[in-house]
Amino acid sequence: MPKLSLWFSQAASATSRFTGRPSAFLGCCLIVLIWAATGPMFHYSDTWQLVINTGTTIVTFLMVFLIQNTQNRDNAAVQAKLDELIRASRAKNEFIGIEHLSDTELDEILEQCERHRPEVLRRAEARASSERKAEIRTARKAATRRASTRKRA
């Protein structure tokens, strides 16, 4: 891993851990309270408003990239774990790596999987309590509607 990429990954992880804490949230609340309290002192001027607007815009802009990086890495780790579970089990190994397929190809695979869903729901319904049977019937109807909507699209 190149040095810059490694540094960014470490910085993004550390920032994500820090900003996800309650103390970071409380610190931001304190900054806003201090800013609001200084309003009368600065006569609620345009500059006073510009300070908070600029600060929040910059923080938001930078956080978008850090959050996206963290989500990408977490998603890649989860995907690797799922692929390993598929590989180690008797599941269909051709599902490994499907996240790299096009949206159309993924829709086709999802449609194939949903074709088996009503059968599974029927078996679950046969074993379920009367309350649960109603929930399962509703879920089965919704799955059938989704599958038919995908076929039309």
N, C-alpha and C. Protein backbone atom coordinates (compact mmCIF):
# COMPACT_ATOMS: atom_id res chain seq x y z
N MET A 1 0.86 -1.18 0.00
CA MET A 1 0.00 0.00 0.00
C MET A 1 0.89 1.23 0.00
N PRO A 2 0.67 2.13 -0.96
CA PRO A 2 1.49 3.35 -1.01
C PRO A 2 1.39 4.13 0.30
N LYS A 3 2.44 4.90 0.57
CA LYS A 3 2.54 5.62 1.84
C LYS A 3 1.37 6.59 2.06
N LEU A 4 0.98 7.35 1.02
CA LEU A 4 -0.12 8.31 1.16
C LEU A 4 -1.44 7.59 1.44
N SER A 5 -1.67 6.49 0.75
CA SER A 5 -2.90 5.72 0.95
C SER A 5 -2.96 5.14 2.36
N LEU A 6 -1.84 4.65 2.84
CA LEU A 6 -1.77 4.10 4.19
C LEU A 6 -2.02 5.20 5.22
N TRP A 7 -1.39 6.36 5.01
CA TRP A 7 -1.59 7.48 5.93
C TRP A 7 -3.06 7.90 5.94
N PHE A 8 -3.66 8.02 4.75
CA PHE A 8 -5.07 8.46 4.68
C PHE A 8 -5.97 7.45 5.36
N SER A 9 -5.72 6.18 5.15
CA SER A 9 -6.54 5.14 5.76
C SER A 9 -6.46 5.21 7.29
N GLN A 10 -5.26 5.39 7.81
CA GLN A 10 -5.09 5.49 9.25
C GLN A 10 -5.74 6.76 9.81
N ALA A 11 -5.56 7.87 9.09
CA ALA A 11 -6.16 9.14 9.53
C ALA A 11 -7.68 9.06 9.48
N ALA A 12 -8.22 8.45 8.43
CA ALA A 12 -9.67 8.32 8.30
C ALA A 12 -10.23 7.45 9.41
N SER A 13 -9.55 6.36 9.72
CA SER A 13 -10.01 5.47 10.79
C SER A 13 -9.98 6.17 12.14
N ALA A 14 -8.89 6.86 12.42
CA ALA A 14 -8.77 7.56 13.70
C ALA A 14 -9.81 8.68 13.81
N THR A 15 -10.01 9.43 12.74
CA THR A 15 -11.00 10.51 12.76
C THR A 15 -12.40 9.95 12.93
N SER A 16 -12.67 8.86 12.24
CA SER A 16 -13.99 8.23 12.34
C SER A 16 -14.27 7.75 13.76
N ARG A 17 -13.26 7.14 14.37
CA ARG A 17 -13.43 6.68 15.76
C ARG A 17 -13.66 7.85 16.69
N PHE A 18 -12.90 8.93 16.50
CA PHE A 18 -13.02 10.10 17.38
C PHE A 18 -14.36 10.80 17.20
N THR A 19 -14.74 11.05 15.95
CA THR A 19 -15.96 11.82 15.70
C THR A 19 -17.22 11.02 16.00
N GLY A 20 -17.10 9.73 16.14
CA GLY A 20 -18.26 8.91 16.48
C GLY A 20 -18.52 8.82 17.97
N ARG A 21 -17.73 9.47 18.76
CA ARG A 21 -17.88 9.42 20.22
C ARG A 21 -18.83 10.50 20.72
N PRO A 22 -19.49 10.23 21.84
CA PRO A 22 -20.38 11.25 22.42
C PRO A 22 -19.63 12.53 22.78
N SER A 23 -18.38 12.42 23.20
CA SER A 23 -17.62 13.62 23.57
C SER A 23 -17.41 14.54 22.37
N ALA A 24 -17.24 13.98 21.17
CA ALA A 24 -17.09 14.81 19.98
C ALA A 24 -18.39 15.55 19.68
N PHE A 25 -19.50 14.86 19.82
CA PHE A 25 -20.81 15.48 19.61
C PHE A 25 -21.02 16.61 20.62
N LEU A 26 -20.71 16.35 21.88
CA LEU A 26 -20.87 17.37 22.91
C LEU A 26 -19.95 18.56 22.65
N GLY A 27 -18.74 18.29 22.17
CA GLY A 27 -17.81 19.37 21.82
C GLY A 27 -18.37 20.26 20.72
N CYS A 28 -18.98 19.64 19.71
CA CYS A 28 -19.60 20.42 18.63
C CYS A 28 -20.78 21.23 19.16
N CYS A 29 -21.56 20.64 20.03
CA CYS A 29 -22.67 21.38 20.65
C CYS A 29 -22.15 22.57 21.44
N LEU A 30 -21.04 22.39 22.14
CA LEU A 30 -20.44 23.47 22.92
C LEU A 30 -19.97 24.60 22.00
N ILE A 31 -19.37 24.24 20.87
CA ILE A 31 -18.91 25.25 19.91
C ILE A 31 -20.10 26.07 19.41
N VAL A 32 -21.20 25.40 19.09
CA VAL A 32 -22.39 26.10 18.61
C VAL A 32 -22.96 27.00 19.70
N LEU A 33 -22.97 26.52 20.93
CA LEU A 33 -23.47 27.35 22.04
C LEU A 33 -22.60 28.59 22.26
N ILE A 34 -21.30 28.40 22.19
CA ILE A 34 -20.39 29.55 22.34
C ILE A 34 -20.61 30.54 21.21
N TRP A 35 -20.73 30.02 20.00
CA TRP A 35 -20.99 30.89 18.84
C TRP A 35 -22.29 31.65 19.04
N ALA A 36 -23.35 30.95 19.46
CA ALA A 36 -24.64 31.61 19.67
C ALA A 36 -24.55 32.65 20.78
N ALA A 37 -23.82 32.35 21.82
CA ALA A 37 -23.70 33.28 22.95
C ALA A 37 -22.93 34.54 22.56
N THR A 38 -22.04 34.43 21.58
CA THR A 38 -21.26 35.61 21.16
C THR A 38 -22.04 36.48 20.17
N GLY A 39 -23.22 36.03 19.76
CA GLY A 39 -24.03 36.81 18.81
C GLY A 39 -24.27 38.24 19.24
N PRO A 40 -24.76 38.48 20.46
CA PRO A 40 -25.00 39.87 20.88
C PRO A 40 -23.72 40.71 20.89
N MET A 41 -22.61 40.07 21.25
CA MET A 41 -21.34 40.79 21.32
C MET A 41 -20.92 41.27 19.92
N PHE A 42 -21.21 40.49 18.89
CA PHE A 42 -20.86 40.86 17.52
C PHE A 42 -22.05 41.45 16.77
N HIS A 43 -23.13 41.74 17.50
CA HIS A 43 -24.34 42.35 16.94
C HIS A 43 -24.93 41.51 15.81
N TYR A 44 -24.79 40.22 15.95
CA TYR A 44 -25.34 39.27 14.96
C TYR A 44 -24.95 39.67 13.53
N SER A 45 -23.72 40.07 13.38
CA SER A 45 -23.25 40.58 12.08
C SER A 45 -23.13 39.47 11.05
N ASP A 46 -22.95 39.89 9.81
CA ASP A 46 -22.74 38.93 8.73
C ASP A 46 -21.46 38.13 8.95
N THR A 47 -20.44 38.78 9.45
CA THR A 47 -19.18 38.08 9.74
C THR A 47 -19.38 37.02 10.80
N TRP A 48 -20.15 37.35 11.83
CA TRP A 48 -20.46 36.39 12.89
C TRP A 48 -21.16 35.15 12.31
N GLN A 49 -22.10 35.36 11.42
CA GLN A 49 -22.80 34.25 10.79
C GLN A 49 -21.88 33.49 9.84
N LEU A 50 -21.02 34.23 9.15
CA LEU A 50 -20.10 33.62 8.20
C LEU A 50 -19.13 32.66 8.89
N VAL A 51 -18.75 32.95 10.11
CA VAL A 51 -17.83 32.09 10.86
C VAL A 51 -18.40 30.69 11.02
N ILE A 52 -19.65 30.59 11.49
CA ILE A 52 -20.24 29.26 11.72
C ILE A 52 -20.55 28.59 10.39
N ASN A 53 -21.01 29.36 9.41
CA ASN A 53 -21.32 28.76 8.10
C ASN A 53 -20.08 28.19 7.44
N THR A 54 -19.00 28.94 7.47
CA THR A 54 -17.75 28.48 6.85
C THR A 54 -17.20 27.27 7.59
N GLY A 55 -17.19 27.35 8.92
CA GLY A 55 -16.68 26.23 9.71
C GLY A 55 -17.45 24.95 9.48
N THR A 56 -18.77 25.03 9.51
CA THR A 56 -19.57 23.81 9.32
C THR A 56 -19.47 23.29 7.89
N THR A 57 -19.35 24.17 6.92
CA THR A 57 -19.21 23.73 5.53
C THR A 57 -17.90 22.99 5.33
N ILE A 58 -16.83 23.51 5.85
CA ILE A 58 -15.52 22.86 5.71
C ILE A 58 -15.51 21.50 6.40
N VAL A 59 -16.02 21.45 7.62
CA VAL A 59 -16.05 20.18 8.36
C VAL A 59 -16.91 19.16 7.62
N THR A 60 -18.07 19.58 7.14
CA THR A 60 -18.95 18.67 6.41
C THR A 60 -18.28 18.16 5.15
N PHE A 61 -17.66 19.04 4.40
CA PHE A 61 -16.98 18.68 3.16
C PHE A 61 -15.91 17.61 3.41
N LEU A 62 -15.08 17.83 4.43
CA LEU A 62 -14.01 16.88 4.73
C LEU A 62 -14.56 15.56 5.29
N MET A 63 -15.59 15.64 6.12
CA MET A 63 -16.15 14.43 6.72
C MET A 63 -16.77 13.50 5.67
N VAL A 64 -17.31 14.06 4.61
CA VAL A 64 -17.89 13.23 3.55
C VAL A 64 -16.85 12.25 3.03
N PHE A 65 -15.64 12.72 2.78
CA PHE A 65 -14.59 11.86 2.24
C PHE A 65 -14.13 10.84 3.28
N LEU A 66 -14.02 11.26 4.53
CA LEU A 66 -13.59 10.33 5.57
C LEU A 66 -14.64 9.25 5.80
N ILE A 67 -15.90 9.64 5.83
CA ILE A 67 -16.97 8.66 6.04
C ILE A 67 -17.03 7.69 4.86
N GLN A 68 -16.91 8.22 3.65
CA GLN A 68 -16.94 7.35 2.46
C GLN A 68 -15.80 6.35 2.49
N ASN A 69 -14.61 6.80 2.87
CA ASN A 69 -13.46 5.90 2.95
C ASN A 69 -13.71 4.81 3.98
N THR A 70 -14.22 5.19 5.13
CA THR A 70 -14.49 4.21 6.19
C THR A 70 -15.54 3.21 5.75
N GLN A 71 -16.60 3.69 5.11
CA GLN A 71 -17.65 2.79 4.64
C GLN A 71 -17.12 1.85 3.55
N ASN A 72 -16.30 2.36 2.65
CA ASN A 72 -15.73 1.51 1.60
C ASN A 72 -14.89 0.38 2.20
N ARG A 73 -14.06 0.73 3.19
CA ARG A 73 -13.22 -0.29 3.81
C ARG A 73 -14.06 -1.29 4.59
N ASP A 74 -15.04 -0.81 5.34
CA ASP A 74 -15.91 -1.72 6.09
C ASP A 74 -16.68 -2.64 5.15
N ASN A 75 -17.18 -2.07 4.06
CA ASN A 75 -17.91 -2.87 3.09
C ASN A 75 -17.01 -3.93 2.45
N ALA A 76 -15.79 -3.56 2.13
CA ALA A 76 -14.86 -4.53 1.55
C ALA A 76 -14.54 -5.65 2.54
N ALA A 77 -14.40 -5.31 3.82
CA ALA A 77 -14.12 -6.33 4.83
C ALA A 77 -15.31 -7.27 5.00
N VAL A 78 -16.51 -6.72 5.04
CA VAL A 78 -17.71 -7.56 5.16
C VAL A 78 -17.84 -8.45 3.93
N GLN A 79 -17.58 -7.89 2.75
CA GLN A 79 -17.67 -8.67 1.52
C GLN A 79 -16.66 -9.82 1.52
N ALA A 80 -15.45 -9.56 1.99
CA ALA A 80 -14.44 -10.62 2.06
C ALA A 80 -14.87 -11.73 3.03
N LYS A 81 -15.47 -11.34 4.14
CA LYS A 81 -15.96 -12.33 5.11
C LYS A 81 -17.10 -13.15 4.53
N LEU A 82 -18.02 -12.48 3.84
CA LEU A 82 -19.12 -13.21 3.22
C LEU A 82 -18.61 -14.17 2.15
N ASP A 83 -17.66 -13.69 1.32
CA ASP A 83 -17.09 -14.56 0.30
C ASP A 83 -16.42 -15.79 0.92
N GLU A 84 -15.75 -15.60 2.04
CA GLU A 84 -15.10 -16.73 2.71
C GLU A 84 -16.15 -17.69 3.26
N LEU A 85 -17.23 -17.18 3.81
CA LEU A 85 -18.31 -18.06 4.30
C LEU A 85 -18.92 -18.85 3.14
N ILE A 86 -19.13 -18.18 2.02
CA ILE A 86 -19.67 -18.88 0.85
C ILE A 86 -18.69 -19.95 0.40
N ARG A 87 -17.41 -19.59 0.33
CA ARG A 87 -16.39 -20.53 -0.15
C ARG A 87 -16.29 -21.75 0.76
N ALA A 88 -16.41 -21.53 2.06
CA ALA A 88 -16.22 -22.62 3.02
C ALA A 88 -17.48 -23.47 3.22
N SER A 89 -18.62 -22.98 2.72
CA SER A 89 -19.87 -23.72 2.93
C SER A 89 -20.27 -24.42 1.64
N ARG A 90 -21.48 -25.00 1.69
CA ARG A 90 -21.99 -25.67 0.50
C ARG A 90 -22.86 -24.73 -0.33
N ALA A 91 -22.74 -23.43 -0.09
CA ALA A 91 -23.49 -22.44 -0.86
C ALA A 91 -22.91 -22.37 -2.28
N LYS A 92 -23.62 -21.69 -3.15
CA LYS A 92 -23.17 -21.56 -4.53
C LYS A 92 -21.93 -20.67 -4.59
N ASN A 93 -20.80 -21.24 -4.97
CA ASN A 93 -19.55 -20.48 -5.03
C ASN A 93 -19.57 -19.41 -6.12
N GLU A 94 -20.49 -19.54 -7.09
CA GLU A 94 -20.53 -18.51 -8.14
C GLU A 94 -21.04 -17.17 -7.62
N PHE A 95 -21.54 -17.14 -6.38
CA PHE A 95 -21.96 -15.87 -5.79
C PHE A 95 -20.77 -15.05 -5.30
N ILE A 96 -19.61 -15.67 -5.18
CA ILE A 96 -18.43 -14.94 -4.74
C ILE A 96 -18.08 -13.89 -5.79
N GLY A 97 -17.96 -12.65 -5.36
CA GLY A 97 -17.56 -11.56 -6.25
C GLY A 97 -18.68 -10.95 -7.06
N ILE A 98 -19.95 -11.28 -6.78
CA ILE A 98 -21.02 -10.72 -7.59
C ILE A 98 -21.18 -9.22 -7.41
N GLU A 99 -20.57 -8.65 -6.38
CA GLU A 99 -20.67 -7.21 -6.17
C GLU A 99 -20.00 -6.44 -7.30
N HIS A 100 -19.21 -7.11 -8.14
CA HIS A 100 -18.53 -6.45 -9.25
C HIS A 100 -19.34 -6.50 -10.54
N LEU A 101 -20.50 -7.17 -10.51
CA LEU A 101 -21.34 -7.27 -11.70
C LEU A 101 -22.11 -5.98 -11.94
N SER A 102 -22.68 -5.87 -13.12
CA SER A 102 -23.50 -4.70 -13.43
C SER A 102 -24.82 -4.77 -12.67
N ASP A 103 -25.53 -3.65 -12.62
CA ASP A 103 -26.82 -3.63 -11.95
C ASP A 103 -27.80 -4.60 -12.59
N THR A 104 -27.76 -4.71 -13.92
CA THR A 104 -28.66 -5.62 -14.63
C THR A 104 -28.36 -7.07 -14.24
N GLU A 105 -27.07 -7.41 -14.19
CA GLU A 105 -26.70 -8.78 -13.81
C GLU A 105 -27.09 -9.08 -12.37
N LEU A 106 -26.91 -8.11 -11.48
CA LEU A 106 -27.31 -8.30 -10.08
C LEU A 106 -28.83 -8.45 -9.96
N ASP A 107 -29.59 -7.68 -10.74
CA ASP A 107 -31.05 -7.82 -10.73
C ASP A 107 -31.48 -9.21 -11.18
N GLU A 108 -30.80 -9.76 -12.18
CA GLU A 108 -31.12 -11.11 -12.66
C GLU A 108 -30.86 -12.16 -11.57
N ILE A 109 -29.75 -12.02 -10.87
CA ILE A 109 -29.42 -12.96 -9.79
C ILE A 109 -30.44 -12.82 -8.66
N LEU A 110 -30.80 -11.59 -8.30
CA LEU A 110 -31.79 -11.38 -7.25
C LEU A 110 -33.14 -11.97 -7.64
N GLU A 111 -33.51 -11.83 -8.90
CA GLU A 111 -34.77 -12.41 -9.38
C GLU A 111 -34.74 -13.93 -9.26
N GLN A 112 -33.62 -14.55 -9.60
CA GLN A 112 -33.48 -16.00 -9.47
C GLN A 112 -33.61 -16.42 -8.01
N CYS A 113 -33.00 -15.67 -7.12
CA CYS A 113 -33.07 -15.99 -5.69
C CYS A 113 -34.49 -15.82 -5.17
N GLU A 114 -35.19 -14.78 -5.62
CA GLU A 114 -36.54 -14.54 -5.13
C GLU A 114 -37.53 -15.56 -5.65
N ARG A 115 -37.21 -16.24 -6.73
CA ARG A 115 -38.09 -17.31 -7.22
C ARG A 115 -38.20 -18.43 -6.19
N HIS A 116 -37.15 -18.63 -5.41
CA HIS A 116 -37.15 -19.68 -4.39
C HIS A 116 -37.78 -19.21 -3.09
N ARG A 117 -37.92 -17.90 -2.92
CA ARG A 117 -38.44 -17.36 -1.67
C ARG A 117 -39.85 -17.84 -1.34
N PRO A 118 -40.83 -17.82 -2.29
CA PRO A 118 -42.17 -18.28 -1.93
C PRO A 118 -42.18 -19.73 -1.40
N GLU A 119 -41.32 -20.58 -1.95
CA GLU A 119 -41.25 -21.96 -1.48
C GLU A 119 -40.78 -22.02 -0.02
N VAL A 120 -39.78 -21.25 0.30
CA VAL A 120 -39.27 -21.20 1.67
C VAL A 120 -40.33 -20.64 2.61
N LEU A 121 -41.03 -19.60 2.15
CA LEU A 121 -42.08 -19.00 2.98
C LEU A 121 -43.23 -19.98 3.22
N ARG A 122 -43.57 -20.77 2.22
CA ARG A 122 -44.65 -21.77 2.40
C ARG A 122 -44.26 -22.78 3.47
N ARG A 123 -43.01 -23.23 3.46
CA ARG A 123 -42.56 -24.18 4.48
C ARG A 123 -42.57 -23.55 5.87
N ALA A 124 -42.14 -22.29 5.96
CA ALA A 124 -42.14 -21.60 7.25
C ALA A 124 -43.57 -21.38 7.74
N GLU A 125 -44.46 -21.08 6.80
CA GLU A 125 -45.86 -20.85 7.16
C GLU A 125 -46.50 -22.11 7.72
N ALA A 126 -46.14 -23.25 7.18
CA ALA A 126 -46.71 -24.52 7.64
C ALA A 126 -46.33 -24.80 9.09
N ARG A 127 -45.17 -24.33 9.53
CA ARG A 127 -44.70 -24.58 10.89
C ARG A 127 -45.05 -23.47 11.87
N ALA A 128 -45.60 -22.36 11.38
CA ALA A 128 -45.76 -21.16 12.21
C ALA A 128 -47.09 -21.14 12.96
N SER A 129 -47.14 -20.25 13.96
CA SER A 129 -48.38 -19.99 14.70
C SER A 129 -49.33 -19.21 13.80
N SER A 130 -50.57 -19.06 14.21
CA SER A 130 -51.56 -18.38 13.36
C SER A 130 -51.19 -16.91 13.14
N GLU A 131 -50.66 -16.23 14.17
CA GLU A 131 -50.25 -14.83 14.02
C GLU A 131 -49.09 -14.72 13.03
N ARG A 132 -48.15 -15.60 13.19
CA ARG A 132 -46.96 -15.59 12.32
C ARG A 132 -47.34 -15.95 10.89
N LYS A 133 -48.34 -16.84 10.71
CA LYS A 133 -48.77 -17.22 9.36
C LYS A 133 -49.25 -16.01 8.58
N ALA A 134 -50.00 -15.12 9.25
CA ALA A 134 -50.48 -13.91 8.58
C ALA A 134 -49.31 -13.03 8.15
N GLU A 135 -48.30 -12.89 8.99
CA GLU A 135 -47.12 -12.09 8.65
C GLU A 135 -46.39 -12.70 7.45
N ILE A 136 -46.28 -14.03 7.45
CA ILE A 136 -45.58 -14.71 6.36
C ILE A 136 -46.35 -14.56 5.06
N ARG A 137 -47.67 -14.67 5.10
CA ARG A 137 -48.48 -14.49 3.89
C ARG A 137 -48.29 -13.08 3.32
N THR A 138 -48.27 -12.09 4.19
CA THR A 138 -48.06 -10.71 3.75
C THR A 138 -46.68 -10.56 3.11
N ALA A 139 -45.66 -11.16 3.72
CA ALA A 139 -44.30 -11.09 3.17
C ALA A 139 -44.23 -11.79 1.82
N ARG A 140 -44.91 -12.92 1.70
CA ARG A 140 -44.90 -13.67 0.44
C ARG A 140 -45.55 -12.84 -0.67
N LYS A 141 -46.68 -12.19 -0.37
CA LYS A 141 -47.35 -11.36 -1.37
C LYS A 141 -46.45 -10.19 -1.79
N ALA A 142 -45.78 -9.59 -0.83
CA ALA A 142 -44.88 -8.47 -1.13
C ALA A 142 -43.72 -8.93 -2.01
N ALA A 143 -43.17 -10.10 -1.72
CA ALA A 143 -42.06 -10.64 -2.52
C ALA A 143 -42.53 -10.93 -3.94
N THR A 144 -43.72 -11.46 -4.07
CA THR A 144 -44.27 -11.75 -5.40
C THR A 144 -44.48 -10.47 -6.19
N ARG A 145 -44.98 -9.42 -5.51
CA ARG A 145 -45.17 -8.12 -6.18
C ARG A 145 -43.83 -7.54 -6.64
N ARG A 146 -42.81 -7.63 -5.77
CA ARG A 146 -41.49 -7.10 -6.15
C ARG A 146 -40.92 -7.84 -7.35
N ALA A 147 -41.06 -9.17 -7.33
CA ALA A 147 -40.53 -9.97 -8.45
C ALA A 147 -41.24 -9.63 -9.74
N SER A 148 -42.56 -9.46 -9.70
CA SER A 148 -43.29 -9.13 -10.93
C SER A 148 -42.97 -7.72 -11.39
N THR A 149 -42.72 -6.80 -10.47
CA THR A 149 -42.33 -5.43 -10.84
C THR A 149 -40.98 -5.44 -11.53
N ARG A 150 -40.05 -6.25 -11.02
CA ARG A 150 -38.72 -6.34 -11.66
C ARG A 150 -38.82 -6.91 -13.06
N LYS A 151 -39.69 -7.89 -13.25
CA LYS A 151 -39.83 -8.49 -14.58
C LYS A 151 -40.32 -7.47 -15.58
N ARG A 152 -41.26 -6.59 -15.16
CA ARG A 152 -41.78 -5.58 -16.05
C ARG A 152 -40.75 -4.50 -16.37
N ALA A 153 -39.88 -4.21 -15.40
CA ALA A 153 -38.88 -3.15 -15.60
C ALA A 153 -37.74 -3.66 -16.42
